[in-house]
Amino acid sequence: MAARRGELYPCETPGRLVDEFKTGEEAEVDMEGNTITRLRDGKSFALMDLGDAAPVIDAGGIFEFARREGMISVAN
C-alpha cells in the first residue's frame, strides 16, 4: 500500500488503544505490517487486516476499483 497523508482508513485493533495512548501522543501506522507504534517508547500494537477494503483503498477509491475490475466502463 502506498504511503499517503491525510487519508482515513478503516483500521481496527483487537484491544482498546484508548487504554494505551494519551491525548497528544504521536504514533506511526504501518499499513503493510498491520501495526501502530507509540513513538515515545516504541511499543507496537496489532492492527487487524483491512480485508476486502484493501484493494479498494489501493485503487484510490470505489469508482477506480470498479473501473479496474470492469464493473463500470472507462470514459474515453
Protein backbone atom coordinates (compact mmCIF):
# COMPACT_ATOMS: atom_id res chain seq x y z
CA MET A 1 0.00 0.00 0.00
CA ALA A 2 1.45 3.34 -1.00
CA ALA A 3 2.23 5.89 1.70
CA ARG A 4 -0.36 8.65 1.76
CA ARG A 5 -1.12 11.51 4.07
CA GLY A 6 -4.44 12.96 5.13
CA GLU A 7 -6.50 9.87 4.34
CA LEU A 8 -8.71 7.93 6.69
CA TYR A 9 -8.58 4.12 6.72
CA PRO A 10 -10.97 1.72 8.49
CA CYS A 11 -8.41 0.33 10.96
CA GLU A 12 -9.46 -1.85 13.85
CA THR A 13 -7.46 -3.25 16.75
CA PRO A 14 -8.01 -6.38 18.82
CA GLY A 15 -7.51 -4.34 22.01
CA ARG A 16 -8.54 -0.94 23.34
CA LEU A 17 -5.92 1.59 22.31
CA VAL A 18 -7.66 4.26 24.34
CA ASP A 19 -6.13 2.49 27.37
CA GLU A 20 -2.65 2.64 25.80
CA PHE A 21 -2.40 6.19 24.43
CA LYS A 22 -2.76 9.61 26.00
CA THR A 23 -4.18 12.62 24.17
CA GLY A 24 -1.49 14.26 22.08
CA GLU A 25 0.81 11.24 21.84
CA GLU A 26 2.30 10.55 18.44
CA ALA A 27 2.16 7.22 16.67
CA GLU A 28 3.34 5.68 13.44
CA VAL A 29 0.98 3.44 11.47
CA ASP A 30 2.41 0.68 9.29
CA MET A 31 -0.42 -0.39 6.99
CA GLU A 32 1.63 -3.15 5.36
CA GLY A 33 2.83 -4.55 8.69
CA ASN A 34 -0.56 -4.04 10.36
CA THR A 35 0.90 -2.24 13.38
CA ILE A 36 0.65 1.07 15.18
CA THR A 37 3.69 2.13 17.18
CA ARG A 38 3.66 4.59 20.07
CA LEU A 39 6.64 6.85 19.38
CA ARG A 40 7.53 7.79 22.95
CA ASP A 41 8.59 4.24 23.84
CA GLY A 42 8.45 2.23 20.59
CA LYS A 43 5.73 -0.13 21.83
CA SER A 44 3.77 -1.63 18.91
CA PHE A 45 0.17 -2.77 18.81
CA ALA A 46 -1.52 -5.01 16.25
CA LEU A 47 -3.97 -3.73 13.67
CA MET A 48 -6.48 -6.05 12.08
CA ASP A 49 -6.08 -6.69 8.35
CA LEU A 50 -8.13 -4.41 6.08
CA GLY A 51 -9.51 -7.46 4.30
CA ASP A 52 -11.72 -6.69 1.30
CA ALA A 53 -11.28 -2.93 1.80
CA ALA A 54 -7.55 -3.08 0.92
CA PRO A 55 -7.91 -3.43 -2.89
CA VAL A 56 -10.45 -0.58 -2.95
CA ILE A 57 -8.09 1.66 -0.97
CA ASP A 58 -5.11 0.68 -3.15
CA ALA A 59 -7.09 1.55 -6.28
CA GLY A 60 -7.81 5.04 -4.94
CA GLY A 61 -11.48 4.57 -4.15
CA ILE A 62 -14.56 2.59 -5.04
CA PHE A 63 -15.04 4.08 -8.52
CA GLU A 64 -11.45 3.48 -9.65
CA PHE A 65 -11.63 -0.03 -8.21
CA ALA A 66 -14.83 -0.69 -10.17
CA ARG A 67 -13.20 0.61 -13.37
CA ARG A 68 -10.15 -1.60 -12.90
CA GLU A 69 -12.33 -4.62 -12.22
CA GLY A 70 -14.51 -3.95 -15.30
CA MET A 71 -17.60 -3.25 -13.24
CA ILE A 72 -18.11 0.15 -14.88
CA SER A 73 -16.86 1.47 -18.21
CA VAL A 74 -13.95 3.84 -18.57
CA ALA A 75 -14.71 7.21 -20.20
CA ASN A 76 -12.77 7.94 -23.38
